Amino acid sequence: MKMNFKILVADDEYYARKALVMMLEKSELPISVNGDFEDGEEVIEFLQENEADFHTSVFPLITFN
């Protein structure tokens, strides 16, 4: 049985985020990119109704008001 890991990519830099998504999708790794997000709030909203095995980010996912 082949495992397929669900990955989220979060980065506020649009081109960096899209490049990482493209590299992951073209890789032969057993993964699927389930979403890419510009900020932590979007990630939290997504995770309230969806699952992910792993996420990448370059900024804190906590928003301080």
PDB file of N, CA and C in Angstrom:
ATOM      1  N   MET A   1       0.840  -1.187   0.000  1.00  0.00           N
ATOM      2  CA  MET A   1       0.000   0.000   0.000  1.00  0.00           C
ATOM      3  C   MET A   1       0.886   1.252   0.000  1.00  0.00           C
ATOM      4  N   LYS A   2       0.661   2.149  -0.917  1.00  0.00           N
ATOM      5  CA  LYS A   2       1.437   3.374  -1.034  1.00  0.00           C
ATOM      6  C   LYS A   2       0.779   4.480  -0.218  1.00  0.00           C
ATOM      7  N   MET A   3       1.568   5.106   0.670  1.00  0.00           N
ATOM      8  CA  MET A   3       1.061   6.230   1.456  1.00  0.00           C
ATOM      9  C   MET A   3       1.171   7.511   0.655  1.00  0.00           C
ATOM     10  N   ASN A   4       0.228   8.376   0.835  1.00  0.00           N
ATOM     11  CA  ASN A   4       0.248   9.673   0.195  1.00  0.00           C
ATOM     12  C   ASN A   4       0.059  10.726   1.276  1.00  0.00           C
ATOM     13  N   PHE A   5       1.101  11.502   1.554  1.00  0.00           N
ATOM     14  CA  PHE A   5       1.032  12.509   2.599  1.00  0.00           C
ATOM     15  C   PHE A   5       0.392  13.786   2.073  1.00  0.00           C
ATOM     16  N   LYS A   6      -0.477  14.376   2.882  1.00  0.00           N
ATOM     17  CA  LYS A   6      -1.143  15.636   2.541  1.00  0.00           C
ATOM     18  C   LYS A   6      -0.304  16.789   3.083  1.00  0.00           C
ATOM     19  N   ILE A   7       0.077  17.701   2.201  1.00  0.00           N
ATOM     20  CA  ILE A   7       0.962  18.799   2.570  1.00  0.00           C
ATOM     21  C   ILE A   7       0.295  20.145   2.292  1.00  0.00           C
ATOM     22  N   LEU A   8       0.513  21.090   3.212  1.00  0.00           N
ATOM     23  CA  LEU A   8       0.095  22.474   3.029  1.00  0.00           C
ATOM     24  C   LEU A   8       1.342  23.330   2.912  1.00  0.00           C
ATOM     25  N   VAL A   9       1.295  24.316   2.035  1.00  0.00           N
ATOM     26  CA  VAL A   9       2.411  25.246   1.873  1.00  0.00           C
ATOM     27  C   VAL A   9       1.901  26.638   2.225  1.00  0.00           C
ATOM     28  N   ALA A  10       2.606  27.299   3.160  1.00  0.00           N
ATOM     29  CA  ALA A  10       2.212  28.657   3.570  1.00  0.00           C
ATOM     30  C   ALA A  10       3.430  29.563   3.466  1.00  0.00           C
ATOM     31  N   ASP A  11       3.270  30.640   2.716  1.00  0.00           N
ATOM     32  CA  ASP A  11       4.354  31.609   2.553  1.00  0.00           C
ATOM     33  C   ASP A  11       3.741  32.905   2.046  1.00  0.00           C
ATOM     34  N   ASP A  12       4.177  34.027   2.596  1.00  0.00           N
ATOM     35  CA  ASP A  12       3.621  35.296   2.151  1.00  0.00           C
ATOM     36  C   ASP A  12       4.242  35.782   0.844  1.00  0.00           C
ATOM     37  N   GLU A  13       5.318  35.147   0.402  1.00  0.00           N
ATOM     38  CA  GLU A  13       5.935  35.477  -0.882  1.00  0.00           C
ATOM     39  C   GLU A  13       5.305  34.604  -1.978  1.00  0.00           C
ATOM     40  N   TYR A  14       4.519  35.216  -2.839  1.00  0.00           N
ATOM     41  CA  TYR A  14       3.733  34.499  -3.839  1.00  0.00           C
ATOM     42  C   TYR A  14       4.597  33.568  -4.704  1.00  0.00           C
ATOM     43  N   TYR A  15       5.661  34.101  -5.292  1.00  0.00           N
ATOM     44  CA  TYR A  15       6.454  33.297  -6.228  1.00  0.00           C
ATOM     45  C   TYR A  15       7.210  32.181  -5.518  1.00  0.00           C
ATOM     46  N   ALA A  16       7.678  32.436  -4.312  1.00  0.00           N
ATOM     47  CA  ALA A  16       8.351  31.379  -3.547  1.00  0.00           C
ATOM     48  C   ALA A  16       7.373  30.259  -3.240  1.00  0.00           C
ATOM     49  N   ARG A  17       6.161  30.628  -2.844  1.00  0.00           N
ATOM     50  CA  ARG A  17       5.126  29.639  -2.511  1.00  0.00           C
ATOM     51  C   ARG A  17       4.757  28.806  -3.743  1.00  0.00           C
ATOM     52  N   LYS A  18       4.522  29.472  -4.856  1.00  0.00           N
ATOM     53  CA  LYS A  18       4.130  28.757  -6.066  1.00  0.00           C
ATOM     54  C   LYS A  18       5.261  27.877  -6.583  1.00  0.00           C
ATOM     55  N   ALA A  19       6.513  28.340  -6.461  1.00  0.00           N
ATOM     56  CA  ALA A  19       7.653  27.532  -6.899  1.00  0.00           C
ATOM     57  C   ALA A  19       7.764  26.270  -6.053  1.00  0.00           C
ATOM     58  N   LEU A  20       7.592  26.401  -4.747  1.00  0.00           N
ATOM     59  CA  LEU A  20       7.656  25.233  -3.874  1.00  0.00           C
ATOM     60  C   LEU A  20       6.536  24.248  -4.202  1.00  0.00           C
ATOM     61  N   VAL A  21       5.335  24.752  -4.412  1.00  0.00           N
ATOM     62  CA  VAL A  21       4.212  23.887  -4.781  1.00  0.00           C
ATOM     63  C   VAL A  21       4.526  23.147  -6.079  1.00  0.00           C
ATOM     64  N   MET A  22       5.058  23.857  -7.072  1.00  0.00           N
ATOM     65  CA  MET A  22       5.374  23.232  -8.352  1.00  0.00           C
ATOM     66  C   MET A  22       6.442  22.144  -8.182  1.00  0.00           C
ATOM     67  N   MET A  23       7.474  22.432  -7.395  1.00  0.00           N
ATOM     68  CA  MET A  23       8.528  21.434  -7.178  1.00  0.00           C
ATOM     69  C   MET A  23       7.970  20.196  -6.471  1.00  0.00           C
ATOM     70  N   LEU A  24       7.124  20.412  -5.480  1.00  0.00           N
ATOM     71  CA  LEU A  24       6.541  19.279  -4.757  1.00  0.00           C
ATOM     72  C   LEU A  24       5.643  18.444  -5.658  1.00  0.00           C
ATOM     73  N   GLU A  25       4.824  19.119  -6.475  1.00  0.00           N
ATOM     74  CA  GLU A  25       3.917  18.395  -7.358  1.00  0.00           C
ATOM     75  C   GLU A  25       4.659  17.610  -8.433  1.00  0.00           C
ATOM     76  N   LYS A  26       5.796  18.114  -8.894  1.00  0.00           N
ATOM     77  CA  LYS A  26       6.574  17.426  -9.927  1.00  0.00           C
ATOM     78  C   LYS A  26       7.480  16.335  -9.357  1.00  0.00           C
ATOM     79  N   SER A  27       7.660  16.351  -8.050  1.00  0.00           N
ATOM     80  CA  SER A  27       8.542  15.352  -7.437  1.00  0.00           C
ATOM     81  C   SER A  27       7.888  13.979  -7.501  1.00  0.00           C
ATOM     82  N   GLU A  28       8.671  12.979  -7.309  1.00  0.00           N
ATOM     83  CA  GLU A  28       8.146  11.617  -7.292  1.00  0.00           C
ATOM     84  C   GLU A  28       7.878  11.147  -5.868  1.00  0.00           C
ATOM     85  N   LEU A  29       7.786  12.104  -4.960  1.00  0.00           N
ATOM     86  CA  LEU A  29       7.502  11.783  -3.559  1.00  0.00           C
ATOM     87  C   LEU A  29       6.034  11.396  -3.401  1.00  0.00           C
ATOM     88  N   PRO A  30       5.718  10.579  -2.413  1.00  0.00           N
ATOM     89  CA  PRO A  30       4.330  10.171  -2.189  1.00  0.00           C
ATOM     90  C   PRO A  30       3.555  11.243  -1.424  1.00  0.00           C
ATOM     91  N   ILE A  31       3.311  12.372  -2.093  1.00  0.00           N
ATOM     92  CA  ILE A  31       2.637  13.501  -1.451  1.00  0.00           C
ATOM     93  C   ILE A  31       1.580  14.093  -2.366  1.00  0.00           C
ATOM     94  N   SER A  32       0.680  14.843  -1.753  1.00  0.00           N
ATOM     95  CA  SER A  32      -0.237  15.683  -2.517  1.00  0.00           C
ATOM     96  C   SER A  32      -0.304  17.026  -1.802  1.00  0.00           C
ATOM     97  N   VAL A  33      -0.200  18.099  -2.567  1.00  0.00           N
ATOM     98  CA  VAL A  33      -0.301  19.441  -2.003  1.00  0.00           C
ATOM     99  C   VAL A  33      -1.787  19.766  -1.921  1.00  0.00           C
ATOM    100  N   ASN A  34      -2.290  19.844  -0.696  1.00  0.00           N
ATOM    101  CA  ASN A  34      -3.724  20.071  -0.497  1.00  0.00           C
ATOM    102  C   ASN A  34      -4.086  21.541  -0.437  1.00  0.00           C
ATOM    103  N   GLY A  35      -3.091  22.414  -0.465  1.00  0.00           N
ATOM    104  CA  GLY A  35      -3.383  23.833  -0.482  1.00  0.00           C
ATOM    105  C   GLY A  35      -2.129  24.656  -0.319  1.00  0.00           C
ATOM    106  N   ASP A  36      -2.198  25.892  -0.826  1.00  0.00           N
ATOM    107  CA  ASP A  36      -1.137  26.842  -0.562  1.00  0.00           C
ATOM    108  C   ASP A  36      -1.792  28.139  -0.098  1.00  0.00           C
ATOM    109  N   PHE A  37      -1.180  28.747   0.915  1.00  0.00           N
ATOM    110  CA  PHE A  37      -1.815  29.852   1.617  1.00  0.00           C
ATOM    111  C   PHE A  37      -0.851  31.000   1.817  1.00  0.00           C
ATOM    112  N   GLU A  38      -1.407  32.211   1.849  1.00  0.00           N
ATOM    113  CA  GLU A  38      -0.598  33.419   1.996  1.00  0.00           C
ATOM    114  C   GLU A  38      -0.327  33.759   3.455  1.00  0.00           C
ATOM    115  N   ASP A  39      -1.211  33.353   4.350  1.00  0.00           N
ATOM    116  CA  ASP A  39      -0.979  33.677   5.758  1.00  0.00           C
ATOM    117  C   ASP A  39      -1.538  32.602   6.683  1.00  0.00           C
ATOM    118  N   GLY A  40      -1.170  32.720   7.938  1.00  0.00           N
ATOM    119  CA  GLY A  40      -1.551  31.728   8.932  1.00  0.00           C
ATOM    120  C   GLY A  40      -3.041  31.628   9.168  1.00  0.00           C
ATOM    121  N   GLU A  41      -3.736  32.737   9.044  1.00  0.00           N
ATOM    122  CA  GLU A  41      -5.192  32.699   9.240  1.00  0.00           C
ATOM    123  C   GLU A  41      -5.861  31.780   8.214  1.00  0.00           C
ATOM    124  N   GLU A  42      -5.394  31.842   6.975  1.00  0.00           N
ATOM    125  CA  GLU A  42      -5.954  30.980   5.930  1.00  0.00           C
ATOM    126  C   GLU A  42      -5.691  29.510   6.257  1.00  0.00           C
ATOM    127  N   VAL A  43      -4.502  29.216   6.777  1.00  0.00           N
ATOM    128  CA  VAL A  43      -4.164  27.839   7.148  1.00  0.00           C
ATOM    129  C   VAL A  43      -5.089  27.348   8.252  1.00  0.00           C
ATOM    130  N   ILE A  44      -5.279  28.170   9.279  1.00  0.00           N
ATOM    131  CA  ILE A  44      -6.141  27.787  10.405  1.00  0.00           C
ATOM    132  C   ILE A  44      -7.562  27.550   9.935  1.00  0.00           C
ATOM    133  N   GLU A  45      -8.080  28.429   9.079  1.00  0.00           N
ATOM    134  CA  GLU A  45      -9.432  28.244   8.542  1.00  0.00           C
ATOM    135  C   GLU A  45      -9.536  26.922   7.776  1.00  0.00           C
ATOM    136  N   PHE A  46      -8.543  26.636   6.948  1.00  0.00           N
ATOM    137  CA  PHE A  46      -8.544  25.398   6.167  1.00  0.00           C
ATOM    138  C   PHE A  46      -8.528  24.177   7.083  1.00  0.00           C
ATOM    139  N   LEU A  47      -7.677  24.215   8.110  1.00  0.00           N
ATOM    140  CA  LEU A  47      -7.523  23.065   8.996  1.00  0.00           C
ATOM    141  C   LEU A  47      -8.727  22.827   9.899  1.00  0.00           C
ATOM    142  N   GLN A  48      -9.603  23.789  10.025  1.00  0.00           N
ATOM    143  CA  GLN A  48     -10.816  23.588  10.818  1.00  0.00           C
ATOM    144  C   GLN A  48     -11.737  22.559  10.179  1.00  0.00           C
ATOM    145  N   GLU A  49     -11.647  22.395   8.856  1.00  0.00           N
ATOM    146  CA  GLU A  49     -12.534  21.451   8.170  1.00  0.00           C
ATOM    147  C   GLU A  49     -11.794  20.438   7.307  1.00  0.00           C
ATOM    148  N   ASN A  50     -10.458  20.495   7.298  1.00  0.00           N
ATOM    149  CA  ASN A  50      -9.658  19.606   6.468  1.00  0.00           C
ATOM    150  C   ASN A  50      -8.480  19.077   7.270  1.00  0.00           C
ATOM    151  N   GLU A  51      -7.818  18.083   6.718  1.00  0.00           N
ATOM    152  CA  GLU A  51      -6.670  17.485   7.382  1.00  0.00           C
ATOM    153  C   GLU A  51      -5.401  17.709   6.569  1.00  0.00           C
ATOM    154  N   ALA A  52      -4.276  17.681   7.277  1.00  0.00           N
ATOM    155  CA  ALA A  52      -2.969  17.723   6.623  1.00  0.00           C
ATOM    156  C   ALA A  52      -2.007  16.925   7.478  1.00  0.00           C
ATOM    157  N   ASP A  53      -1.052  16.287   6.834  1.00  0.00           N
ATOM    158  CA  ASP A  53      -0.027  15.544   7.557  1.00  0.00           C
ATOM    159  C   ASP A  53       1.174  16.419   7.863  1.00  0.00           C
ATOM    160  N   PHE A  54       1.374  17.469   7.070  1.00  0.00           N
ATOM    161  CA  PHE A  54       2.574  18.288   7.196  1.00  0.00           C
ATOM    162  C   PHE A  54       2.298  19.651   6.589  1.00  0.00           C
ATOM    163  N   HIS A  55       2.928  20.691   7.138  1.00  0.00           N
ATOM    164  CA  HIS A  55       2.844  22.010   6.508  1.00  0.00           C
ATOM    165  C   HIS A  55       4.213  22.658   6.514  1.00  0.00           C
ATOM    166  N   THR A  56       4.439  23.522   5.540  1.00  0.00           N
ATOM    167  CA  THR A  56       5.662  24.301   5.483  1.00  0.00           C
ATOM    168  C   THR A  56       5.284  25.765   5.610  1.00  0.00           C
ATOM    169  N   SER A  57       6.103  26.518   6.293  1.00  0.00           N
ATOM    170  CA  SER A  57       5.863  27.959   6.393  1.00  0.00           C
ATOM    171  C   SER A  57       7.167  28.655   6.723  1.00  0.00           C
ATOM    172  N   VAL A  58       7.230  29.938   6.407  1.00  0.00           N
ATOM    173  CA  VAL A  58       8.403  30.738   6.728  1.00  0.00           C
ATOM    174  C   VAL A  58       8.044  31.906   7.632  1.00  0.00           C
ATOM    175  N   PHE A  59       6.866  31.871   8.187  1.00  0.00           N
ATOM    176  CA  PHE A  59       6.441  32.916   9.107  1.00  0.00           C
ATOM    177  C   PHE A  59       5.632  32.279  10.225  1.00  0.00           C
ATOM    178  N   PRO A  60       5.533  32.944  11.365  1.00  0.00           N
ATOM    179  CA  PRO A  60       4.723  32.399  12.453  1.00  0.00           C
ATOM    180  C   PRO A  60       3.268  32.278  12.028  1.00  0.00           C
ATOM    181  N   LEU A  61       2.635  31.185  12.417  1.00  0.00           N
ATOM    182  CA  LEU A  61       1.230  30.981  12.048  1.00  0.00           C
ATOM    183  C   LEU A  61       0.279  31.577  13.068  1.00  0.00           C
ATOM    184  N   ILE A  62       0.802  32.254  14.083  1.00  0.00           N
ATOM    185  CA  ILE A  62      -0.030  32.885  15.105  1.00  0.00           C
ATOM    186  C   ILE A  62      -0.206  34.361  14.728  1.00  0.00           C
ATOM    187  N   THR A  63      -1.444  34.830  14.773  1.00  0.00           N
ATOM    188  CA  THR A  63      -1.733  36.224  14.479  1.00  0.00           C
ATOM    189  C   THR A  63      -2.024  36.947  15.779  1.00  0.00           C
ATOM    190  N   PHE A  64      -1.316  38.009  16.022  1.00  0.00           N
ATOM    191  CA  PHE A  64      -1.539  38.807  17.220  1.00  0.00           C
ATOM    192  C   PHE A  64      -2.350  40.044  16.850  1.00  0.00           C
ATOM    193  N   ASN A  65      -3.420  40.290  17.595  1.00  0.00           N
ATOM    194  CA  ASN A  65      -4.249  41.476  17.335  1.00  0.00           C
ATOM    195  C   ASN A  65      -3.951  42.549  18.341  1.00  0.00           C
TER     196      ASN A  65
END
